[in-house]
C-alpha cells in the first residue's frame, strides 16, 4: 500500500507540472486575460508541487528542469498576444467566463499558502549544528505545515520534527525508486554527530534495522539518543543497531560522533529523525534551526 501510494504521489509530482506547462504552451489564447489566467493557474499549481512534491524519489534536479520549461513556455507564448483583445469574445449573454480557472487558482493559492506557511514559526527555536556530514542532504519532512510535515504534525511534541535523507549525485535519496536493500539508501550508515553541547538524557540500542517498508510500530523511535541541550531536549531516532557510542549521563561536545543512521523503529526507509521539545513540558515542540534558518520540506543542506 505504501509503495503504491509513493508511486502515485511521485508520478503526480512530476506529471502535473508538466501537464500545466503543456497547457500553457499549446494554448490558443482568446485574449490577454485568457493567457494571464493560464499563467497564474499554472504558477499556483506548479509552486505547490515544487515545494510539496516527492522529488527525492526521482531527482531533486528534475524540479529545476520543470521550472525552466515553464518559464520558457511563458516567455514563448507571450508574443502570441500582440493582436489579441484584452478580454476576448463574449458569449451569447454578453459575458466572458473564467470561473473554472479562477476556482482552480483559488484552491491552489490556498494550498500554496499552507505549504509556504511551513517555513514560518511563532515561538521558541533552538540553534543546532547539522548532525550529518560529507554530502548533500534533503529535508524529507519538515516545517510547520500539515502538508510539508504530514507524518509529524498531529503529535504536539513532534510538530516541528525533521526527517533527513542523504542524496546521491543524481539527486535521489536511494539507488532506485524504493530498493529492498538498506545499503542502497544513501543515508544508511552515515555517521551522526552531536548537534549541541549537552548531556545524554537517555539512549537505547539493540533493535534490528528493519527491511524497507516494514516499520516497527511497537518501538516508534527505534534505537535512539536523547540529549539535554540547555532547557531543550533533542531526540535523534531510527539509529543503526549497535552503532550508539554514548550512554546516559555522558557529557557530549558538539560534533562528537554518537551513532550511525539506521532503519530501526517506526520508519519505512533509512533516515535521521530529529525533534526538540522543552524539558519541563514534553508536549511543547521547539523548532530547530541549522545555520540560523529553520529548514522545511525539500530544502537541501550541503555539509
Protein backbone atom coordinates (compact mmCIF):
# COMPACT_ATOMS: atom_id res chain seq x y z
CA UNK A 1 0.00 0.00 0.00
CA UNK A 2 2.75 2.45 0.98
CA UNK A 3 4.74 1.63 -2.15
CA UNK A 4 1.70 2.12 -4.39
CA UNK A 5 0.89 5.45 -2.72
CA UNK A 6 4.52 6.58 -3.13
CA UNK A 7 4.41 5.74 -6.84
CA UNK A 8 1.16 7.69 -7.32
CA UNK A 9 2.33 10.77 -5.41
CA UNK A 10 5.69 10.81 -7.20
CA UNK A 11 4.00 10.43 -10.59
CA UNK A 12 1.72 13.37 -9.83
CA UNK A 13 4.69 15.41 -8.55
CA UNK A 14 6.31 15.22 -11.99
CA UNK A 15 3.34 14.80 -14.33
CA UNK A 16 1.04 17.59 -13.11
CA UNK A 17 3.58 20.46 -13.50
CA UNK A 18 4.48 19.14 -16.97
CA UNK A 19 0.79 18.91 -17.88
CA UNK A 20 0.15 22.54 -16.92
CA UNK A 21 3.28 23.64 -18.75
CA UNK A 22 1.97 21.90 -21.88
CA UNK A 23 -1.44 23.51 -21.31
CA UNK A 24 0.23 26.92 -21.37
CA UNK A 25 2.45 26.07 -24.34
CA UNK A 26 -0.33 24.65 -26.54
CA UNK A 27 -2.96 27.21 -25.58
CA UNK A 28 -4.99 29.01 -28.25
CA UNK A 29 -5.44 32.30 -26.47
CA UNK A 30 -8.63 34.27 -26.99
CA UNK A 31 -7.35 37.29 -25.13
CA UNK A 32 -4.65 38.69 -22.90
CA UNK A 33 -6.69 37.85 -19.82
CA UNK A 34 -7.02 34.30 -21.10
CA UNK A 35 -3.22 34.00 -21.25
CA UNK A 36 -2.68 35.72 -17.90
CA UNK A 37 -5.11 33.41 -16.12
CA UNK A 38 -3.43 30.37 -17.62
CA UNK A 39 -0.08 31.63 -16.37
CA UNK A 40 -1.40 32.35 -12.88
CA UNK A 41 -3.18 29.00 -12.57
CA UNK A 42 -0.10 27.14 -13.84
CA UNK A 43 2.19 29.02 -11.43
CA UNK A 44 -0.08 28.23 -8.46
CA UNK A 45 -0.22 24.53 -9.34
CA UNK A 46 3.49 24.17 -10.12
CA UNK A 47 4.60 26.02 -6.97
CA UNK A 48 2.57 23.59 -4.87
CA UNK A 49 4.28 20.56 -6.38
CA UNK A 50 7.74 22.14 -6.41
CA UNK A 51 7.54 22.82 -2.67
CA UNK A 52 5.49 19.86 -1.51
CA UNK A 53 6.29 17.10 -4.02
CA UNK A 54 8.34 13.94 -3.50
CA UNK A 55 11.25 14.95 -5.75
CA UNK A 56 13.84 12.92 -3.84
CA UNK A 57 12.14 9.74 -5.08
CA UNK A 58 13.25 10.59 -8.63
CA UNK A 59 15.67 13.53 -8.61
CA UNK A 60 15.66 16.92 -6.94
CA UNK A 61 17.39 18.26 -10.07
CA UNK A 62 14.29 17.41 -12.09
CA UNK A 63 12.25 20.11 -10.36
CA UNK A 64 14.67 22.74 -11.68
CA UNK A 65 14.19 21.37 -15.19
CA UNK A 66 10.40 21.58 -14.76
CA UNK A 67 10.70 25.17 -13.55
CA UNK A 68 12.89 26.09 -16.54
CA UNK A 69 10.44 24.52 -19.01
CA UNK A 70 7.56 26.50 -17.55
CA UNK A 71 9.47 29.80 -17.72
CA UNK A 72 10.41 29.03 -21.33
CA UNK A 73 6.76 28.27 -22.19
CA UNK A 74 5.56 31.52 -20.60
CA UNK A 75 8.13 33.59 -22.48
CA UNK A 76 7.48 31.90 -25.83
CA UNK A 77 3.68 32.22 -25.62
CA UNK A 78 3.68 35.89 -24.67
CA UNK A 79 4.34 37.20 -28.24
CA UNK A 80 1.14 35.45 -29.42
CA UNK A 81 -0.85 38.15 -27.62
CA UNK A 82 0.16 41.05 -29.86
CA UNK A 83 -3.08 41.04 -31.83
CA UNK A 84 -5.36 39.85 -29.03
CA UNK A 85 -8.00 41.89 -27.26
CA UNK A 86 -7.85 42.35 -23.52
CA UNK A 87 -10.90 40.23 -22.66
CA UNK A 88 -11.72 38.32 -25.84
CA UNK A 89 -15.07 37.25 -27.29
CA UNK A 90 -18.19 37.29 -25.17
CA UNK A 91 -20.78 34.52 -25.09
CA UNK A 92 -24.43 34.81 -26.18
CA UNK A 93 -25.26 36.58 -22.91
CA UNK A 94 -22.52 39.11 -23.36
CA UNK A 95 -20.27 37.63 -20.67
CA UNK A 96 -16.72 36.33 -20.61
CA UNK A 97 -16.43 33.46 -18.13
CA UNK A 98 -13.24 32.28 -16.50
CA UNK A 99 -14.95 30.77 -13.44
CA UNK A 100 -13.31 27.37 -13.79
CA UNK A 101 -9.80 28.77 -13.86
CA UNK A 102 -10.50 31.18 -11.03
CA UNK A 103 -11.76 28.29 -8.89
CA UNK A 104 -8.63 26.22 -9.56
CA UNK A 105 -6.47 29.26 -8.89
CA UNK A 106 -8.20 29.88 -5.54
CA UNK A 107 -7.77 26.25 -4.43
CA UNK A 108 -4.07 26.12 -5.25
CA UNK A 109 -3.33 29.55 -3.83
CA UNK A 110 -4.75 28.25 -0.55
CA UNK A 111 -2.61 25.08 -0.80
CA UNK A 112 0.44 27.21 -1.62
CA UNK A 113 -0.27 29.29 1.47
CA UNK A 114 -0.31 26.14 3.61
CA UNK A 115 2.98 24.94 2.12
CA UNK A 116 4.76 28.29 2.42
CA UNK A 117 3.40 28.66 5.95
CA UNK A 118 5.61 25.71 6.88
CA UNK A 119 8.66 27.97 6.81
CA UNK A 120 7.30 30.49 9.29
CA UNK A 121 7.34 29.89 13.03
CA UNK A 122 5.92 31.60 16.03
CA UNK A 123 7.56 30.70 19.28
CA UNK A 124 10.86 29.40 20.54
CA UNK A 125 13.56 27.83 18.40
CA UNK A 126 16.87 26.13 19.14
CA UNK A 127 20.09 26.54 17.14
CA UNK A 128 21.77 23.20 16.48
CA UNK A 129 24.72 22.06 14.42
CA UNK A 130 23.72 19.90 11.48
CA UNK A 131 24.21 16.30 12.71
CA UNK A 132 25.42 14.80 9.39
CA UNK A 133 28.47 15.48 7.21
CA UNK A 134 30.16 14.89 3.88
CA UNK A 135 27.37 15.22 1.37
CA UNK A 136 24.16 16.82 0.22
CA UNK A 137 21.16 16.19 2.44
CA UNK A 138 17.45 16.81 2.00
CA UNK A 139 14.65 17.54 4.44
CA UNK A 140 12.14 14.84 3.50
CA UNK A 141 9.63 16.01 6.11
CA UNK A 142 9.72 19.29 8.00
CA UNK A 143 8.05 22.59 8.67
CA UNK A 144 5.04 23.99 10.50
CA UNK A 145 2.55 22.92 7.83
CA UNK A 146 0.44 19.73 7.77
CA UNK A 147 1.38 19.34 4.11
CA UNK A 148 5.17 19.59 4.48
CA UNK A 149 5.24 17.71 7.79
CA UNK A 150 2.34 15.30 7.40
CA UNK A 151 3.73 12.40 9.45
CA UNK A 152 4.61 14.56 12.47
CA UNK A 153 2.06 17.36 12.55
CA UNK A 154 -0.62 15.53 14.54
CA UNK A 155 1.66 14.96 17.56
CA UNK A 156 2.29 18.17 19.58
CA UNK A 157 5.78 17.03 20.65
CA UNK A 158 6.76 16.27 17.01
CA UNK A 159 5.12 19.26 15.36
CA UNK A 160 8.46 20.66 14.15
CA UNK A 161 10.31 17.35 13.75
CA UNK A 162 12.59 16.81 10.75
CA UNK A 163 13.30 13.71 8.67
CA UNK A 164 16.65 13.94 6.90
CA UNK A 165 17.93 11.80 4.00
CA UNK A 166 21.15 11.91 2.02
CA UNK A 167 21.18 12.41 -1.75
CA UNK A 168 23.31 10.73 -4.39
CA UNK A 169 24.82 12.54 -7.37
CA UNK A 170 21.55 12.14 -9.31
CA UNK A 171 19.60 13.91 -6.59
CA UNK A 172 17.85 10.73 -5.43
CA UNK A 173 17.86 9.50 -1.82
CA UNK A 174 18.48 5.92 -2.96
CA UNK A 175 19.91 3.93 -5.84
CA UNK A 176 16.50 3.01 -7.19
CA UNK A 177 12.92 4.11 -6.54
CA UNK A 178 12.30 2.04 -3.40
CA UNK A 179 15.03 -0.64 -3.25
CA UNK A 180 14.79 -3.62 -0.90
CA UNK A 181 18.42 -3.41 0.27
CA UNK A 182 19.21 -0.95 3.08
CA UNK A 183 22.70 -0.38 1.69
CA UNK A 184 21.22 1.25 -1.42
CA UNK A 185 19.86 4.15 0.62
CA UNK A 186 22.45 6.92 0.85
CA UNK A 187 21.63 7.81 4.46
CA UNK A 188 22.10 4.29 5.79
CA UNK A 189 25.27 4.04 7.86
CA UNK A 190 26.02 7.77 7.84
CA UNK A 191 27.79 8.98 10.99
CA UNK A 192 25.61 11.03 13.37
CA UNK A 193 27.34 13.84 15.28
CA UNK A 194 26.19 15.61 18.42
CA UNK A 195 24.22 18.71 17.36
CA UNK A 196 24.95 20.57 20.62
CA UNK A 197 26.90 20.65 23.85
CA UNK A 198 24.77 18.70 26.27
CA UNK A 199 24.18 15.71 28.49
CA UNK A 200 22.85 12.37 27.27
CA UNK A 201 19.48 12.02 28.98
CA UNK A 202 18.93 8.54 27.56
CA UNK A 203 19.99 6.10 24.88
CA UNK A 204 18.52 2.85 23.57
CA UNK A 205 20.16 0.29 21.28
CA UNK A 206 19.67 -3.32 20.26
CA UNK A 207 16.66 -3.12 17.95
CA UNK A 208 17.14 -4.51 14.44
CA UNK A 209 17.27 -2.39 11.31
CA UNK A 210 14.02 -3.13 9.51
CA UNK A 211 13.84 -4.04 5.83
CA UNK A 212 12.49 -1.08 3.82
CA UNK A 213 8.71 -0.59 4.13
CA UNK A 214 8.49 -2.86 7.20
CA UNK A 215 8.10 -0.44 10.10
CA UNK A 216 8.28 -1.45 13.77
CA UNK A 217 5.14 0.20 15.17
CA UNK A 218 5.79 -1.06 18.71
CA UNK A 219 9.06 0.88 19.03
CA UNK A 220 8.44 4.23 17.28
CA UNK A 221 11.86 5.83 17.93
CA UNK A 222 13.82 2.62 17.40
CA UNK A 223 17.43 2.89 18.53
CA UNK A 224 17.76 6.48 19.68
CA UNK A 225 19.60 9.11 21.72
CA UNK A 226 18.08 11.88 23.82
CA UNK A 227 20.23 14.94 24.57
CA UNK A 228 19.58 17.71 27.06
CA UNK A 229 20.77 20.89 25.34
CA UNK A 230 20.19 23.55 27.97
CA UNK A 231 16.45 23.81 28.59
CA UNK A 232 15.62 21.86 25.44
CA UNK A 233 15.63 18.11 24.90
CA UNK A 234 16.63 16.73 21.50
CA UNK A 235 15.79 13.29 20.12
CA UNK A 236 17.75 11.58 17.34
CA UNK A 237 15.92 8.45 16.22
CA UNK A 238 15.97 5.41 13.88
CA UNK A 239 19.68 4.77 14.51
CA UNK A 240 21.61 1.71 13.35
CA UNK A 241 21.73 -1.29 15.64
CA UNK A 242 24.99 -1.49 17.61
CA UNK A 243 26.22 1.92 16.44
CA UNK A 244 25.45 4.05 19.51
CA UNK A 245 28.66 5.01 21.34
CA UNK A 246 27.22 7.11 24.18
CA UNK A 247 25.40 6.37 27.42
CA UNK A 248 23.08 8.18 29.81
CA UNK A 249 24.75 10.87 31.91
CA UNK A 250 27.65 11.38 29.50
CA UNK A 251 28.50 14.96 28.55
CA UNK A 252 28.71 15.49 24.80
CA UNK A 253 30.60 18.22 22.99
CA UNK A 254 29.14 19.46 19.75
CA UNK A 255 30.27 17.47 16.67
CA UNK A 256 31.23 14.39 18.71
CA UNK A 257 30.46 11.06 17.00
CA UNK A 258 27.41 9.42 18.61
CA UNK A 259 25.97 6.79 16.26
CA UNK A 260 25.05 5.97 12.67
CA UNK A 261 21.84 6.37 10.69
CA UNK A 262 19.83 3.16 10.56
CA UNK A 263 16.31 1.97 9.93
CA UNK A 264 15.08 0.89 13.34
CA UNK A 265 11.67 1.70 14.78
CA UNK A 266 8.64 3.14 13.01
CA UNK A 267 10.28 4.03 9.71
CA UNK A 268 9.80 2.96 6.10
CA UNK A 269 13.36 3.67 4.96
CA UNK A 270 16.71 4.86 6.39
CA UNK A 271 16.70 8.46 7.54
CA UNK A 272 17.56 10.53 10.59
CA UNK A 273 14.63 11.78 12.63
CA UNK A 274 15.37 14.76 14.87
CA UNK A 275 13.00 16.72 17.08
CA UNK A 276 13.18 19.06 20.06
CA UNK A 277 10.91 20.00 22.95
CA UNK A 278 11.05 21.81 26.28
CA UNK A 279 12.45 19.64 29.10
CA UNK A 280 9.78 20.81 31.53
CA UNK A 281 6.95 20.45 29.01
CA UNK A 282 7.13 17.39 26.76
CA UNK A 283 4.23 18.46 24.53
CA UNK A 284 5.76 21.86 23.70
CA UNK A 285 7.68 21.33 20.48
CA UNK A 286 10.60 23.59 19.67
CA UNK A 287 11.55 24.39 16.07
CA UNK A 288 15.12 23.52 15.06
CA UNK A 289 17.46 25.92 13.30
CA UNK A 290 20.53 24.90 11.29
CA UNK A 291 22.89 27.76 10.40
CA UNK A 292 20.31 30.22 11.73
CA UNK A 293 17.49 29.01 9.48
CA UNK A 294 14.53 26.69 10.09
CA UNK A 295 14.58 24.07 7.31
CA UNK A 296 11.41 22.87 5.58
CA UNK A 297 10.44 20.03 3.25
CA UNK A 298 12.50 19.72 0.05
CA UNK A 299 15.22 22.08 1.30
CA UNK A 300 18.74 20.79 0.68
CA UNK A 301 21.70 21.22 3.01
CA UNK A 302 25.28 20.65 1.90
CA UNK A 303 27.65 19.89 4.75
